[in-house]
């Protein structure tokens, strides 16, 4: 899954980008009230990485 597709899915669940680092953005999830890193580069992400991000967001 590309970053843009994952970001679109996160935004559909109410997540917002709240900060920027050198390689990652910080994303806030209103579902669980926590922030987590999201890789900024547009390469395809591995399935396990996508699942871990969705778990951190409280979506899975």
PDB file of N, CA and C in Angstrom:
ATOM      1  N   UNK A   1       0.852  -1.166   0.000  1.00  0.00           N
ATOM      2  CA  UNK A   1       0.000   0.000   0.000  1.00  0.00           C
ATOM      3  C   UNK A   1       0.897   1.228   0.000  1.00  0.00           C
ATOM      4  N   UNK A   2       0.528   2.209  -0.798  1.00  0.00           N
ATOM      5  CA  UNK A   2       1.293   3.450  -0.837  1.00  0.00           C
ATOM      6  C   UNK A   2       0.899   4.336   0.336  1.00  0.00           C
ATOM      7  N   UNK A   3       1.786   5.246   0.680  1.00  0.00           N
ATOM      8  CA  UNK A   3       1.548   6.160   1.795  1.00  0.00           C
ATOM      9  C   UNK A   3       0.288   6.972   1.578  1.00  0.00           C
ATOM     10  N   UNK A   4       0.059   7.429   0.353  1.00  0.00           N
ATOM     11  CA  UNK A   4      -1.111   8.257   0.064  1.00  0.00           C
ATOM     12  C   UNK A   4      -2.408   7.487   0.313  1.00  0.00           C
ATOM     13  N   UNK A   5      -2.427   6.205  -0.032  1.00  0.00           N
ATOM     14  CA  UNK A   5      -3.608   5.375   0.201  1.00  0.00           C
ATOM     15  C   UNK A   5      -3.837   5.167   1.694  1.00  0.00           C
ATOM     16  N   UNK A   6      -2.757   4.928   2.427  1.00  0.00           N
ATOM     17  CA  UNK A   6      -2.855   4.724   3.870  1.00  0.00           C
ATOM     18  C   UNK A   6      -3.297   6.009   4.559  1.00  0.00           C
ATOM     19  N   UNK A   7      -2.747   7.146   4.141  1.00  0.00           N
ATOM     20  CA  UNK A   7      -3.120   8.420   4.734  1.00  0.00           C
ATOM     21  C   UNK A   7      -4.598   8.726   4.481  1.00  0.00           C
ATOM     22  N   UNK A   8      -5.086   8.391   3.295  1.00  0.00           N
ATOM     23  CA  UNK A   8      -6.506   8.590   2.977  1.00  0.00           C
ATOM     24  C   UNK A   8      -7.378   7.742   3.906  1.00  0.00           C
ATOM     25  N   UNK A   9      -6.985   6.493   4.137  1.00  0.00           N
ATOM     26  CA  UNK A   9      -7.718   5.604   5.031  1.00  0.00           C
ATOM     27  C   UNK A   9      -7.704   6.136   6.461  1.00  0.00           C
ATOM     28  N   UNK A  10      -6.556   6.611   6.907  1.00  0.00           N
ATOM     29  CA  UNK A  10      -6.448   7.172   8.253  1.00  0.00           C
ATOM     30  C   UNK A  10      -7.336   8.404   8.411  1.00  0.00           C
ATOM     31  N   UNK A  11      -7.343   9.272   7.395  1.00  0.00           N
ATOM     32  CA  UNK A  11      -8.163  10.482   7.457  1.00  0.00           C
ATOM     33  C   UNK A  11      -9.655  10.149   7.469  1.00  0.00           C
ATOM     34  N   UNK A  12     -10.054   9.080   6.796  1.00  0.00           N
ATOM     35  CA  UNK A  12     -11.454   8.643   6.815  1.00  0.00           C
ATOM     36  C   UNK A  12     -11.891   8.256   8.225  1.00  0.00           C
ATOM     37  N   UNK A  13     -10.933   7.852   9.058  1.00  0.00           N
ATOM     38  CA  UNK A  13     -11.211   7.470  10.443  1.00  0.00           C
ATOM     39  C   UNK A  13     -10.939   8.622  11.414  1.00  0.00           C
ATOM     40  N   UNK A  14     -10.706   9.819  10.888  1.00  0.00           N
ATOM     41  CA  UNK A  14     -10.550  10.999  11.724  1.00  0.00           C
ATOM     42  C   UNK A  14      -9.134  11.343  12.141  1.00  0.00           C
ATOM     43  N   UNK A  15      -8.138  10.616  11.662  1.00  0.00           N
ATOM     44  CA  UNK A  15      -6.749  10.899  12.033  1.00  0.00           C
ATOM     45  C   UNK A  15      -6.255  12.163  11.341  1.00  0.00           C
ATOM     46  N   UNK A  16      -5.340  12.878  12.016  1.00  0.00           N
ATOM     47  CA  UNK A  16      -4.788  14.129  11.490  1.00  0.00           C
ATOM     48  C   UNK A  16      -3.282  14.158  11.677  1.00  0.00           C
ATOM     49  N   UNK A  17      -2.580  14.767  10.729  1.00  0.00           N
ATOM     50  CA  UNK A  17      -1.137  14.984  10.869  1.00  0.00           C
ATOM     51  C   UNK A  17      -0.948  16.153  11.821  1.00  0.00           C
ATOM     52  N   UNK A  18      -0.167  15.935  12.889  1.00  0.00           N
ATOM     53  CA  UNK A  18       0.023  16.972  13.901  1.00  0.00           C
ATOM     54  C   UNK A  18       1.466  17.460  14.002  1.00  0.00           C
ATOM     55  N   UNK A  19       2.390  16.815  13.309  1.00  0.00           N
ATOM     56  CA  UNK A  19       3.787  17.229  13.376  1.00  0.00           C
ATOM     57  C   UNK A  19       4.597  16.619  12.259  1.00  0.00           C
ATOM     58  N   UNK A  20       5.766  17.218  12.018  1.00  0.00           N
ATOM     59  CA  UNK A  20       6.643  16.751  10.947  1.00  0.00           C
ATOM     60  C   UNK A  20       8.048  16.570  11.491  1.00  0.00           C
ATOM     61  N   UNK A  21       8.646  15.428  11.168  1.00  0.00           N
ATOM     62  CA  UNK A  21      10.038  15.174  11.505  1.00  0.00           C
ATOM     63  C   UNK A  21      10.846  15.152  10.228  1.00  0.00           C
ATOM     64  N   UNK A  22      12.069  14.677  10.293  1.00  0.00           N
ATOM     65  CA  UNK A  22      12.900  14.658   9.094  1.00  0.00           C
ATOM     66  C   UNK A  22      12.465  13.570   8.109  1.00  0.00           C
ATOM     67  N   UNK A  23      12.035  12.417   8.610  1.00  0.00           N
ATOM     68  CA  UNK A  23      11.618  11.320   7.737  1.00  0.00           C
ATOM     69  C   UNK A  23      10.187  10.861   7.990  1.00  0.00           C
ATOM     70  N   UNK A  24       9.596  11.283   9.084  1.00  0.00           N
ATOM     71  CA  UNK A  24       8.262  10.818   9.456  1.00  0.00           C
ATOM     72  C   UNK A  24       7.360  12.000   9.812  1.00  0.00           C
ATOM     73  N   UNK A  25       6.058  11.767   9.662  1.00  0.00           N
ATOM     74  CA  UNK A  25       5.061  12.708  10.162  1.00  0.00           C
ATOM     75  C   UNK A  25       4.475  12.095  11.425  1.00  0.00           C
ATOM     76  N   UNK A  26       4.005  12.937  12.345  1.00  0.00           N
ATOM     77  CA  UNK A  26       3.316  12.464  13.548  1.00  0.00           C
ATOM     78  C   UNK A  26       1.830  12.569  13.270  1.00  0.00           C
ATOM     79  N   UNK A  27       1.111  11.475  13.492  1.00  0.00           N
ATOM     80  CA  UNK A  27      -0.320  11.412  13.216  1.00  0.00           C
ATOM     81  C   UNK A  27      -1.058  11.185  14.520  1.00  0.00           C
ATOM     82  N   UNK A  28      -2.139  11.944  14.729  1.00  0.00           N
ATOM     83  CA  UNK A  28      -2.977  11.806  15.924  1.00  0.00           C
ATOM     84  C   UNK A  28      -4.221  11.011  15.568  1.00  0.00           C
ATOM     85  N   UNK A  29      -4.549  10.030  16.407  1.00  0.00           N
ATOM     86  CA  UNK A  29      -5.754   9.228  16.231  1.00  0.00           C
ATOM     87  C   UNK A  29      -6.764   9.574  17.314  1.00  0.00           C
ATOM     88  N   UNK A  30      -7.949  10.076  16.937  1.00  0.00           N
ATOM     89  CA  UNK A  30      -8.976  10.373  17.933  1.00  0.00           C
ATOM     90  C   UNK A  30      -9.625   9.108  18.500  1.00  0.00           C
ATOM     91  N   UNK A  31      -9.405   7.985  17.854  1.00  0.00           N
ATOM     92  CA  UNK A  31      -9.988   6.724  18.307  1.00  0.00           C
ATOM     93  C   UNK A  31      -9.400   6.312  19.644  1.00  0.00           C
ATOM     94  N   UNK A  32      -8.065   6.385  19.759  1.00  0.00           N
ATOM     95  CA  UNK A  32      -7.423   5.990  21.011  1.00  0.00           C
ATOM     96  C   UNK A  32      -6.677   7.145  21.684  1.00  0.00           C
ATOM     97  N   UNK A  33      -6.690   8.327  21.070  1.00  0.00           N
ATOM     98  CA  UNK A  33      -6.082   9.512  21.671  1.00  0.00           C
ATOM     99  C   UNK A  33      -4.568   9.517  21.678  1.00  0.00           C
ATOM    100  N   UNK A  34      -3.942   8.758  20.803  1.00  0.00           N
ATOM    101  CA  UNK A  34      -2.481   8.671  20.778  1.00  0.00           C
ATOM    102  C   UNK A  34      -1.928   9.157  19.446  1.00  0.00           C
ATOM    103  N   UNK A  35      -0.632   9.477  19.438  1.00  0.00           N
ATOM    104  CA  UNK A  35       0.057   9.828  18.204  1.00  0.00           C
ATOM    105  C   UNK A  35       1.014   8.703  17.837  1.00  0.00           C
ATOM    106  N   UNK A  36       1.307   8.611  16.550  1.00  0.00           N
ATOM    107  CA  UNK A  36       2.206   7.571  16.055  1.00  0.00           C
ATOM    108  C   UNK A  36       2.917   8.096  14.818  1.00  0.00           C
ATOM    109  N   UNK A  37       4.092   7.527  14.479  1.00  0.00           N
ATOM    110  CA  UNK A  37       4.837   7.995  13.305  1.00  0.00           C
ATOM    111  C   UNK A  37       4.298   7.388  12.016  1.00  0.00           C
ATOM    112  N   UNK A  38       4.374   8.162  10.946  1.00  0.00           N
ATOM    113  CA  UNK A  38       4.010   7.683   9.612  1.00  0.00           C
ATOM    114  C   UNK A  38       5.126   8.082   8.665  1.00  0.00           C
ATOM    115  N   UNK A  39       5.721   7.092   8.019  1.00  0.00           N
ATOM    116  CA  UNK A  39       6.830   7.293   7.098  1.00  0.00           C
ATOM    117  C   UNK A  39       6.415   8.248   5.998  1.00  0.00           C
ATOM    118  N   UNK A  40       7.239   9.245   5.674  1.00  0.00           N
ATOM    119  CA  UNK A  40       6.869  10.272   4.723  1.00  0.00           C
ATOM    120  C   UNK A  40       7.122   9.887   3.269  1.00  0.00           C
ATOM    121  N   UNK A  41       7.947   8.914   2.975  1.00  0.00           N
ATOM    122  CA  UNK A  41       8.302   8.579   1.604  1.00  0.00           C
ATOM    123  C   UNK A  41       7.170   7.820   0.911  1.00  0.00           C
ATOM    124  N   UNK A  42       7.101   7.945  -0.407  1.00  0.00           N
ATOM    125  CA  UNK A  42       5.955   7.428  -1.151  1.00  0.00           C
ATOM    126  C   UNK A  42       6.119   5.993  -1.656  1.00  0.00           C
ATOM    127  N   UNK A  43       7.168   5.310  -1.271  1.00  0.00           N
ATOM    128  CA  UNK A  43       7.349   3.923  -1.705  1.00  0.00           C
ATOM    129  C   UNK A  43       6.275   3.038  -1.090  1.00  0.00           C
ATOM    130  N   UNK A  44       6.071   1.870  -1.697  1.00  0.00           N
ATOM    131  CA  UNK A  44       5.107   0.934  -1.141  1.00  0.00           C
ATOM    132  C   UNK A  44       5.572   0.458   0.230  1.00  0.00           C
ATOM    133  N   UNK A  45       4.630   0.397   1.167  1.00  0.00           N
ATOM    134  CA  UNK A  45       4.936  -0.088   2.510  1.00  0.00           C
ATOM    135  C   UNK A  45       4.607  -1.568   2.591  1.00  0.00           C
ATOM    136  N   UNK A  46       5.374  -2.277   3.389  1.00  0.00           N
ATOM    137  CA  UNK A  46       5.130  -3.703   3.575  1.00  0.00           C
ATOM    138  C   UNK A  46       3.831  -3.912   4.328  1.00  0.00           C
ATOM    139  N   UNK A  47       3.209  -5.065   4.098  1.00  0.00           N
ATOM    140  CA  UNK A  47       1.916  -5.385   4.708  1.00  0.00           C
ATOM    141  C   UNK A  47       1.984  -5.304   6.234  1.00  0.00           C
ATOM    142  N   UNK A  48       3.040  -5.810   6.820  1.00  0.00           N
ATOM    143  CA  UNK A  48       3.193  -5.793   8.273  1.00  0.00           C
ATOM    144  C   UNK A  48       3.297  -4.386   8.824  1.00  0.00           C
ATOM    145  N   UNK A  49       3.959  -3.501   8.078  1.00  0.00           N
ATOM    146  CA  UNK A  49       4.085  -2.105   8.493  1.00  0.00           C
ATOM    147  C   UNK A  49       2.725  -1.422   8.481  1.00  0.00           C
ATOM    148  N   UNK A  50       1.958  -1.660   7.416  1.00  0.00           N
ATOM    149  CA  UNK A  50       0.622  -1.069   7.305  1.00  0.00           C
ATOM    150  C   UNK A  50      -0.272  -1.568   8.440  1.00  0.00           C
ATOM    151  N   UNK A  51      -0.229  -2.858   8.720  1.00  0.00           N
ATOM    152  CA  UNK A  51      -1.042  -3.420   9.798  1.00  0.00           C
ATOM    153  C   UNK A  51      -0.649  -2.844  11.147  1.00  0.00           C
ATOM    154  N   UNK A  52       0.646  -2.630  11.374  1.00  0.00           N
ATOM    155  CA  UNK A  52       1.114  -2.058  12.640  1.00  0.00           C
ATOM    156  C   UNK A  52       0.627  -0.611  12.789  1.00  0.00           C
ATOM    157  N   UNK A  53       0.647   0.151  11.707  1.00  0.00           N
ATOM    158  CA  UNK A  53       0.178   1.534  11.758  1.00  0.00           C
ATOM    159  C   UNK A  53      -1.318   1.574  12.036  1.00  0.00           C
ATOM    160  N   UNK A  54      -2.082   0.697  11.391  1.00  0.00           N
ATOM    161  CA  UNK A  54      -3.530   0.652  11.613  1.00  0.00           C
ATOM    162  C   UNK A  54      -3.831   0.235  13.058  1.00  0.00           C
ATOM    163  N   UNK A  55      -3.014  -0.648  13.611  1.00  0.00           N
ATOM    164  CA  UNK A  55      -3.203  -1.066  15.004  1.00  0.00           C
ATOM    165  C   UNK A  55      -2.900   0.109  15.951  1.00  0.00           C
ATOM    166  N   UNK A  56      -1.830   0.854  15.662  1.00  0.00           N
ATOM    167  CA  UNK A  56      -1.489   2.009  16.491  1.00  0.00           C
ATOM    168  C   UNK A  56      -2.577   3.074  16.429  1.00  0.00           C
ATOM    169  N   UNK A  57      -3.262   3.161  15.278  1.00  0.00           N
ATOM    170  CA  UNK A  57      -4.319   4.142  15.090  1.00  0.00           C
ATOM    171  C   UNK A  57      -5.632   3.686  15.745  1.00  0.00           C
ATOM    172  N   UNK A  58      -5.694   2.411  16.136  1.00  0.00           N
ATOM    173  CA  UNK A  58      -6.908   1.893  16.748  1.00  0.00           C
ATOM    174  C   UNK A  58      -7.949   1.451  15.737  1.00  0.00           C
ATOM    175  N   UNK A  59      -7.548   1.305  14.487  1.00  0.00           N
ATOM    176  CA  UNK A  59      -8.481   0.909  13.431  1.00  0.00           C
ATOM    177  C   UNK A  59      -8.609  -0.603  13.351  1.00  0.00           C
ATOM    178  N   UNK A  60      -7.545  -1.329  13.609  1.00  0.00           N
ATOM    179  CA  UNK A  60      -7.591  -2.803  13.596  1.00  0.00           C
ATOM    180  C   UNK A  60      -7.372  -3.334  14.966  1.00  0.00           C
TER     181      UNK A  60
END
